[in-house]
N, C-alpha and C. Protein backbone atom coordinates (compact mmCIF):
# COMPACT_ATOMS: atom_id res chain seq x y z
N MET A 1 70.79 116.60 -83.71
CA MET A 1 69.40 116.19 -83.73
C MET A 1 69.12 115.35 -84.97
N SER A 2 68.32 114.33 -84.79
CA SER A 2 67.96 113.45 -85.89
C SER A 2 66.63 113.88 -86.49
N THR A 3 66.52 113.74 -87.80
CA THR A 3 65.27 114.07 -88.49
C THR A 3 64.45 112.80 -88.70
N ILE A 4 63.14 112.97 -88.71
CA ILE A 4 62.25 111.82 -88.86
C ILE A 4 61.03 112.18 -89.69
N LEU A 5 60.60 111.24 -90.51
CA LEU A 5 59.37 111.33 -91.30
C LEU A 5 58.39 110.33 -90.71
N ILE A 6 57.15 110.75 -90.50
CA ILE A 6 56.12 109.87 -89.95
C ILE A 6 55.15 109.49 -91.07
N VAL A 7 55.02 108.18 -91.31
CA VAL A 7 54.13 107.69 -92.35
C VAL A 7 53.05 106.83 -91.70
N ASP A 8 51.84 107.37 -91.64
CA ASP A 8 50.73 106.68 -90.99
C ASP A 8 49.43 107.30 -91.48
N ASP A 9 48.40 106.48 -91.67
CA ASP A 9 47.13 107.00 -92.18
C ASP A 9 46.23 107.59 -91.10
N ASP A 10 46.61 107.46 -89.84
CA ASP A 10 45.82 107.98 -88.73
C ASP A 10 46.34 109.36 -88.31
N PRO A 11 45.56 110.42 -88.56
CA PRO A 11 46.04 111.76 -88.23
C PRO A 11 46.29 111.97 -86.74
N ARG A 12 45.48 111.32 -85.89
CA ARG A 12 45.70 111.45 -84.44
C ARG A 12 47.04 110.84 -84.03
N PHE A 13 47.37 109.68 -84.60
CA PHE A 13 48.64 109.06 -84.27
C PHE A 13 49.80 109.92 -84.77
N ARG A 14 49.68 110.46 -85.99
CA ARG A 14 50.76 111.30 -86.52
C ARG A 14 51.01 112.49 -85.59
N THR A 15 49.94 113.11 -85.11
CA THR A 15 50.08 114.25 -84.20
C THR A 15 50.73 113.82 -82.89
N GLN A 16 50.25 112.73 -82.32
CA GLN A 16 50.82 112.25 -81.05
C GLN A 16 52.29 111.88 -81.21
N ALA A 17 52.62 111.14 -82.26
CA ALA A 17 54.01 110.73 -82.49
C ALA A 17 54.89 111.94 -82.72
N SER A 18 54.39 112.90 -83.47
CA SER A 18 55.15 114.12 -83.72
C SER A 18 55.45 114.86 -82.42
N ASP A 19 54.45 114.98 -81.57
CA ASP A 19 54.63 115.67 -80.28
C ASP A 19 55.64 114.93 -79.41
N VAL A 20 55.49 113.61 -79.29
CA VAL A 20 56.38 112.82 -78.44
C VAL A 20 57.81 112.86 -78.97
N LEU A 21 57.97 112.60 -80.25
CA LEU A 21 59.32 112.56 -80.82
C LEU A 21 59.97 113.94 -80.83
N GLY A 22 59.17 114.97 -81.07
CA GLY A 22 59.70 116.33 -81.01
C GLY A 22 60.21 116.68 -79.63
N SER A 23 59.47 116.27 -78.60
CA SER A 23 59.92 116.55 -77.24
C SER A 23 61.10 115.68 -76.83
N ASP A 24 61.32 114.59 -77.57
CA ASP A 24 62.46 113.70 -77.30
C ASP A 24 63.68 114.02 -78.15
N GLY A 25 63.67 115.18 -78.81
CA GLY A 25 64.86 115.62 -79.53
C GLY A 25 64.91 115.34 -81.01
N PHE A 26 63.86 114.73 -81.57
CA PHE A 26 63.81 114.50 -83.01
C PHE A 26 63.18 115.71 -83.69
N VAL A 27 63.59 115.96 -84.92
CA VAL A 27 62.98 117.01 -85.72
C VAL A 27 62.09 116.31 -86.75
N VAL A 28 60.79 116.50 -86.63
CA VAL A 28 59.84 115.89 -87.57
C VAL A 28 59.83 116.75 -88.82
N VAL A 29 60.36 116.19 -89.92
CA VAL A 29 60.49 116.97 -91.15
C VAL A 29 59.31 116.80 -92.08
N GLY A 30 58.43 115.84 -91.77
CA GLY A 30 57.27 115.65 -92.63
C GLY A 30 56.40 114.52 -92.16
N GLU A 31 55.23 114.45 -92.79
CA GLU A 31 54.26 113.40 -92.52
C GLU A 31 53.69 112.96 -93.85
N ALA A 32 53.29 111.68 -93.90
CA ALA A 32 52.65 111.15 -95.09
C ALA A 32 51.53 110.21 -94.66
N VAL A 33 50.49 110.12 -95.48
CA VAL A 33 49.30 109.36 -95.11
C VAL A 33 49.23 107.97 -95.72
N ASP A 34 50.12 107.66 -96.66
CA ASP A 34 50.12 106.34 -97.27
C ASP A 34 51.52 106.01 -97.80
N GLY A 35 51.68 104.81 -98.31
CA GLY A 35 52.99 104.36 -98.75
C GLY A 35 53.56 105.15 -99.90
N ALA A 36 52.73 105.44 -100.91
CA ALA A 36 53.22 106.17 -102.07
C ALA A 36 53.72 107.57 -101.69
N SER A 37 52.93 108.29 -100.89
CA SER A 37 53.36 109.63 -100.49
C SER A 37 54.53 109.54 -99.50
N GLY A 38 54.60 108.46 -98.73
CA GLY A 38 55.73 108.25 -97.83
C GLY A 38 57.03 108.05 -98.59
N LEU A 39 56.98 107.26 -99.67
CA LEU A 39 58.17 107.06 -100.50
C LEU A 39 58.62 108.37 -101.12
N GLU A 40 57.67 109.13 -101.64
CA GLU A 40 57.99 110.42 -102.25
C GLU A 40 58.60 111.38 -101.22
N ALA A 41 57.98 111.45 -100.04
CA ALA A 41 58.47 112.35 -98.99
C ALA A 41 59.86 111.93 -98.52
N ALA A 42 60.09 110.64 -98.38
CA ALA A 42 61.40 110.17 -97.92
C ALA A 42 62.48 110.52 -98.94
N ARG A 43 62.16 110.39 -100.20
CA ARG A 43 63.16 110.71 -101.24
C ARG A 43 63.44 112.21 -101.31
N SER A 44 62.42 113.03 -101.12
CA SER A 44 62.64 114.47 -101.21
C SER A 44 63.19 115.07 -99.92
N LEU A 45 62.74 114.59 -98.78
CA LEU A 45 63.16 115.16 -97.50
C LEU A 45 64.45 114.55 -96.94
N GLN A 46 64.75 113.31 -97.34
CA GLN A 46 65.93 112.57 -96.90
C GLN A 46 66.11 112.60 -95.37
N PRO A 47 65.10 112.10 -94.65
CA PRO A 47 65.21 112.08 -93.18
C PRO A 47 66.20 111.02 -92.73
N ASP A 48 66.67 111.16 -91.50
CA ASP A 48 67.53 110.13 -90.91
C ASP A 48 66.71 108.87 -90.60
N PHE A 49 65.45 109.07 -90.18
CA PHE A 49 64.57 107.98 -89.78
C PHE A 49 63.21 108.12 -90.47
N VAL A 50 62.56 106.97 -90.67
CA VAL A 50 61.17 106.94 -91.12
C VAL A 50 60.42 106.06 -90.13
N LEU A 51 59.41 106.64 -89.47
CA LEU A 51 58.51 105.88 -88.61
C LEU A 51 57.37 105.44 -89.52
N LEU A 52 57.24 104.14 -89.75
CA LEU A 52 56.42 103.61 -90.83
C LEU A 52 55.38 102.62 -90.31
N ASP A 53 54.11 102.96 -90.48
CA ASP A 53 53.03 102.06 -90.11
C ASP A 53 53.04 100.87 -91.06
N ILE A 54 52.85 99.68 -90.52
CA ILE A 54 52.80 98.48 -91.38
C ILE A 54 51.51 98.45 -92.18
N GLY A 55 50.39 98.82 -91.56
CA GLY A 55 49.08 98.71 -92.20
C GLY A 55 48.63 99.97 -92.91
N LEU A 56 49.30 100.30 -93.98
CA LEU A 56 48.92 101.49 -94.75
C LEU A 56 47.83 101.13 -95.77
N PRO A 57 47.04 102.12 -96.22
CA PRO A 57 45.92 101.80 -97.11
C PRO A 57 46.31 101.37 -98.52
N ASP A 58 47.50 101.72 -98.98
CA ASP A 58 47.84 101.40 -100.37
C ASP A 58 48.96 100.37 -100.50
N ILE A 59 50.04 100.55 -99.79
CA ILE A 59 51.20 99.66 -99.87
C ILE A 59 51.57 99.25 -98.45
N GLU A 60 51.74 97.97 -98.23
CA GLU A 60 52.11 97.51 -96.90
C GLU A 60 53.47 98.07 -96.49
N GLY A 61 53.61 98.40 -95.21
CA GLY A 61 54.85 98.99 -94.70
C GLY A 61 56.10 98.18 -95.02
N PHE A 62 56.00 96.86 -95.02
CA PHE A 62 57.16 96.03 -95.35
C PHE A 62 57.66 96.33 -96.76
N GLU A 63 56.72 96.52 -97.69
CA GLU A 63 57.09 96.83 -99.08
C GLU A 63 57.68 98.24 -99.20
N VAL A 64 57.14 99.17 -98.45
CA VAL A 64 57.67 100.54 -98.46
C VAL A 64 59.11 100.52 -97.94
N ALA A 65 59.34 99.79 -96.86
CA ALA A 65 60.70 99.70 -96.30
C ALA A 65 61.67 99.13 -97.31
N GLN A 66 61.25 98.11 -98.03
CA GLN A 66 62.11 97.51 -99.05
C GLN A 66 62.40 98.52 -100.16
N ALA A 67 61.37 99.24 -100.61
CA ALA A 67 61.55 100.23 -101.67
C ALA A 67 62.50 101.35 -101.23
N LEU A 68 62.45 101.73 -99.97
CA LEU A 68 63.33 102.79 -99.48
C LEU A 68 64.80 102.36 -99.50
N SER A 69 65.04 101.06 -99.46
CA SER A 69 66.42 100.57 -99.41
C SER A 69 67.08 100.46 -100.77
N ILE A 70 66.35 100.71 -101.84
CA ILE A 70 66.87 100.45 -103.18
C ILE A 70 67.83 101.51 -103.70
N ASN A 71 67.48 102.76 -103.65
CA ASN A 71 68.30 103.82 -104.26
C ASN A 71 69.00 104.65 -103.20
N GLY A 72 70.31 104.65 -103.24
CA GLY A 72 71.08 105.48 -102.32
C GLY A 72 71.04 104.96 -100.91
N PRO A 73 71.69 105.67 -100.01
CA PRO A 73 71.68 105.23 -98.61
C PRO A 73 70.28 105.42 -98.03
N PRO A 74 69.70 104.35 -97.50
CA PRO A 74 68.34 104.46 -96.98
C PRO A 74 68.31 105.08 -95.59
N PRO A 75 67.17 105.64 -95.22
CA PRO A 75 67.00 106.10 -93.84
C PRO A 75 66.83 104.87 -92.94
N PHE A 76 66.99 105.07 -91.65
CA PHE A 76 66.66 104.01 -90.69
C PHE A 76 65.14 103.93 -90.66
N VAL A 77 64.60 102.75 -90.93
CA VAL A 77 63.15 102.56 -90.93
C VAL A 77 62.74 101.85 -89.65
N VAL A 78 61.79 102.44 -88.94
CA VAL A 78 61.22 101.85 -87.73
C VAL A 78 59.76 101.55 -88.04
N LEU A 79 59.43 100.26 -88.04
CA LEU A 79 58.06 99.85 -88.29
C LEU A 79 57.24 100.00 -87.01
N THR A 80 55.97 100.31 -87.19
CA THR A 80 55.07 100.42 -86.05
C THR A 80 53.69 99.90 -86.44
N SER A 81 52.91 99.56 -85.44
CA SER A 81 51.55 99.09 -85.66
C SER A 81 50.80 99.11 -84.34
N SER A 82 49.49 99.19 -84.43
CA SER A 82 48.68 99.05 -83.23
C SER A 82 48.50 97.56 -82.90
N ARG A 83 48.85 96.70 -83.83
CA ARG A 83 48.80 95.26 -83.60
C ARG A 83 50.08 94.81 -82.90
N ASP A 84 49.99 93.74 -82.18
CA ASP A 84 51.13 93.16 -81.47
C ASP A 84 52.13 92.59 -82.47
N ALA A 85 53.39 92.59 -82.11
CA ALA A 85 54.45 92.07 -82.99
C ALA A 85 54.18 90.62 -83.38
N ARG A 86 53.56 89.84 -82.51
CA ARG A 86 53.28 88.43 -82.83
C ARG A 86 52.38 88.28 -84.04
N ALA A 87 51.60 89.30 -84.35
CA ALA A 87 50.71 89.24 -85.51
C ALA A 87 51.49 89.18 -86.82
N TYR A 88 52.75 89.60 -86.78
CA TYR A 88 53.56 89.64 -88.00
C TYR A 88 54.58 88.50 -88.06
N GLY A 89 54.70 87.77 -86.98
CA GLY A 89 55.55 86.58 -86.96
C GLY A 89 56.95 86.81 -87.47
N ARG A 90 57.37 85.92 -88.34
CA ARG A 90 58.74 85.92 -88.87
C ARG A 90 59.06 87.12 -89.75
N ARG A 91 58.04 87.81 -90.22
CA ARG A 91 58.29 88.97 -91.09
C ARG A 91 59.07 90.06 -90.37
N LEU A 92 59.00 90.07 -89.04
CA LEU A 92 59.76 91.05 -88.27
C LEU A 92 61.16 90.57 -87.92
N ALA A 93 61.47 89.33 -88.26
CA ALA A 93 62.77 88.76 -87.91
C ALA A 93 63.91 89.40 -88.70
N ASN A 94 63.66 89.71 -89.94
CA ASN A 94 64.68 90.39 -90.75
C ASN A 94 64.01 91.09 -91.91
N GLY A 95 64.65 92.11 -92.36
CA GLY A 95 64.08 92.88 -93.46
C GLY A 95 64.84 94.18 -93.62
N HIS A 96 64.27 95.07 -94.37
CA HIS A 96 64.89 96.35 -94.67
C HIS A 96 64.44 97.41 -93.68
N PHE A 97 64.60 97.11 -92.39
CA PHE A 97 64.18 98.04 -91.35
C PHE A 97 65.03 97.82 -90.11
N LEU A 98 65.05 98.84 -89.28
CA LEU A 98 65.85 98.82 -88.05
C LEU A 98 65.18 97.97 -86.98
N GLY A 99 63.85 98.02 -86.91
CA GLY A 99 63.13 97.25 -85.92
C GLY A 99 61.67 97.64 -85.88
N PHE A 100 60.99 97.15 -84.85
CA PHE A 100 59.56 97.35 -84.67
C PHE A 100 59.29 97.90 -83.27
N ILE A 101 58.41 98.89 -83.19
CA ILE A 101 57.96 99.44 -81.91
C ILE A 101 56.44 99.54 -81.98
N PRO A 102 55.71 98.95 -81.03
CA PRO A 102 54.25 99.12 -81.01
C PRO A 102 53.90 100.61 -80.87
N LYS A 103 52.80 101.01 -81.45
CA LYS A 103 52.41 102.42 -81.44
C LYS A 103 52.34 103.01 -80.03
N GLU A 104 51.85 102.23 -79.08
CA GLU A 104 51.70 102.78 -77.72
C GLU A 104 53.04 102.97 -77.02
N ARG A 105 54.11 102.48 -77.60
CA ARG A 105 55.43 102.61 -76.98
C ARG A 105 56.39 103.52 -77.75
N ILE A 106 55.87 104.26 -78.70
CA ILE A 106 56.72 105.14 -79.50
C ILE A 106 57.33 106.23 -78.61
N SER A 107 58.65 106.34 -78.69
CA SER A 107 59.37 107.41 -77.99
C SER A 107 60.74 107.54 -78.63
N GLY A 108 61.37 108.64 -78.38
CA GLY A 108 62.73 108.82 -78.86
C GLY A 108 63.66 107.79 -78.25
N ALA A 109 63.46 107.49 -76.97
CA ALA A 109 64.30 106.50 -76.29
C ALA A 109 64.14 105.12 -76.92
N ALA A 110 62.92 104.76 -77.30
CA ALA A 110 62.70 103.45 -77.93
C ALA A 110 63.39 103.37 -79.29
N ILE A 111 63.35 104.45 -80.05
CA ILE A 111 64.03 104.47 -81.34
C ILE A 111 65.55 104.41 -81.14
N ARG A 112 66.07 105.17 -80.20
CA ARG A 112 67.51 105.15 -79.94
C ARG A 112 67.97 103.77 -79.46
N ALA A 113 67.12 103.07 -78.70
CA ALA A 113 67.46 101.72 -78.25
C ALA A 113 67.60 100.77 -79.44
N LEU A 114 66.77 100.94 -80.47
CA LEU A 114 66.91 100.12 -81.68
C LEU A 114 68.25 100.40 -82.37
N VAL A 115 68.61 101.67 -82.43
CA VAL A 115 69.89 102.03 -83.06
C VAL A 115 71.04 101.42 -82.29
N ASP A 116 70.99 101.51 -80.97
CA ASP A 116 72.06 100.97 -80.13
C ASP A 116 72.17 99.46 -80.26
N ARG A 117 71.02 98.81 -80.46
CA ARG A 117 70.98 97.35 -80.61
C ARG A 117 71.54 96.89 -81.94
N GLY A 118 71.25 97.73 -82.95
CA GLY A 118 71.47 97.29 -84.30
C GLY A 118 72.73 97.58 -84.95
């Protein structure tokens, strides 16, 4: 089983994602409400995956993903947003993350498909 940390400022989304991913075989080891607490949680919990909202209130998800890649082996970072991928343009083309999944399509299968692709 893979472990995952959910970083999102919306408590309803965190609950929904936790329920969906838990039923899809992931173990949700923690949740964080912003980038700073997400970085801290990722370093202390060392999850296999981080589901990371791009639009966090303090630090943009792209920056959090980059920071996670600096020290030691990073977790697989999956960016998410309620906005369409086109809103981010070329920023999703490459970076310190496994890929992007829109919030309405979050599932264990979608995350595993990114791993298989990448």
